[in-house]
């Protein structure tokens, strides 16, 4: 019997390995590693478990990439983000 997994993402994500940062309005930055990226969202790994605000910016300085986003899921130190 074959098992089918339903993909719920609106756009395909592409595996990447990029240094990034999560920036909060007016207060601080947390470095992260961007593991996959799509036009609609991303998955990032953090160095430690942290509590994130409801909205923040994902910044990939090398690519001049900045998007406002929010967390939609988390598992250990990996967090799924949706772009606003």
Protein backbone atom coordinates (compact mmCIF):
# COMPACT_ATOMS: atom_id res chain seq x y z
CA UNK A 1 0.00 0.00 0.00
CA UNK A 2 1.49 3.36 -0.97
CA UNK A 3 1.11 6.36 1.28
CA UNK A 4 0.37 9.77 -0.20
CA UNK A 5 1.33 12.94 1.60
CA UNK A 6 -0.74 16.02 0.83
CA UNK A 7 1.37 19.14 0.33
CA UNK A 8 -0.39 22.09 1.97
CA UNK A 9 1.98 24.84 0.84
CA UNK A 10 0.75 27.25 -1.82
CA UNK A 11 4.23 27.48 -3.38
CA UNK A 12 7.13 25.05 -3.59
CA UNK A 13 9.96 25.72 -1.16
CA UNK A 14 13.57 25.41 -2.22
CA UNK A 15 16.29 24.10 0.07
CA UNK A 16 18.89 26.71 0.93
CA UNK A 17 21.56 27.20 3.56
CA UNK A 18 21.85 30.92 4.24
CA UNK A 19 22.74 33.01 7.23
CA UNK A 20 19.85 35.21 8.30
CA UNK A 21 18.42 37.18 11.17
CA UNK A 22 15.07 37.69 12.81
CA UNK A 23 14.67 41.38 13.63
CA UNK A 24 12.13 42.73 16.10
CA UNK A 25 10.67 46.23 15.81
CA UNK A 26 12.93 48.45 17.84
CA UNK A 27 14.55 45.76 19.97
CA UNK A 28 17.18 43.29 18.92
CA UNK A 29 18.11 40.61 16.47
CA UNK A 30 18.36 36.82 16.65
CA UNK A 31 20.65 35.11 14.16
CA UNK A 32 19.24 32.12 12.30
CA UNK A 33 19.97 29.72 9.47
CA UNK A 34 17.46 29.77 6.61
CA UNK A 35 16.88 26.15 5.55
CA UNK A 36 14.23 26.58 2.85
CA UNK A 37 12.58 29.46 1.11
CA UNK A 38 9.57 30.14 -1.12
CA UNK A 39 7.70 33.23 -2.28
CA UNK A 40 5.25 32.68 0.61
CA UNK A 41 7.47 31.62 3.52
CA UNK A 42 10.56 29.99 4.93
CA UNK A 43 11.87 27.58 7.53
CA UNK A 44 14.65 28.73 9.82
CA UNK A 45 16.80 27.11 12.50
CA UNK A 46 17.60 29.04 15.66
CA UNK A 47 20.55 28.42 17.97
CA UNK A 48 18.17 28.00 20.92
CA UNK A 49 14.44 27.93 21.62
CA UNK A 50 13.07 31.46 21.97
CA UNK A 51 9.69 33.09 22.18
CA UNK A 52 8.96 35.25 19.14
CA UNK A 53 6.56 38.18 18.87
CA UNK A 54 3.49 37.87 16.65
CA UNK A 55 5.20 39.74 13.80
CA UNK A 56 8.86 40.31 12.91
CA UNK A 57 11.25 40.68 9.97
CA UNK A 58 13.31 37.94 8.31
CA UNK A 59 16.53 39.45 6.96
CA UNK A 60 19.04 37.76 4.65
CA UNK A 61 21.58 40.56 4.36
CA UNK A 62 23.71 38.87 1.67
CA UNK A 63 20.69 38.74 -0.68
CA UNK A 64 19.26 42.13 0.38
CA UNK A 65 16.13 40.19 1.38
CA UNK A 66 13.75 41.58 4.02
CA UNK A 67 10.21 40.29 4.63
CA UNK A 68 7.72 40.87 7.43
CA UNK A 69 6.50 37.50 8.64
CA UNK A 70 4.99 35.47 11.46
CA UNK A 71 5.60 31.98 12.81
CA UNK A 72 3.11 29.31 11.72
CA UNK A 73 4.73 26.23 13.30
CA UNK A 74 7.73 25.21 15.33
CA UNK A 75 9.50 21.96 16.13
CA UNK A 76 12.44 22.12 18.51
CA UNK A 77 14.60 24.94 17.12
CA UNK A 78 13.12 24.95 13.57
CA UNK A 79 10.39 27.47 12.88
CA UNK A 80 8.12 27.75 9.85
CA UNK A 81 7.43 31.31 8.74
CA UNK A 82 4.72 32.78 6.53
CA UNK A 83 5.38 36.11 4.84
CA UNK A 84 2.78 38.80 5.51
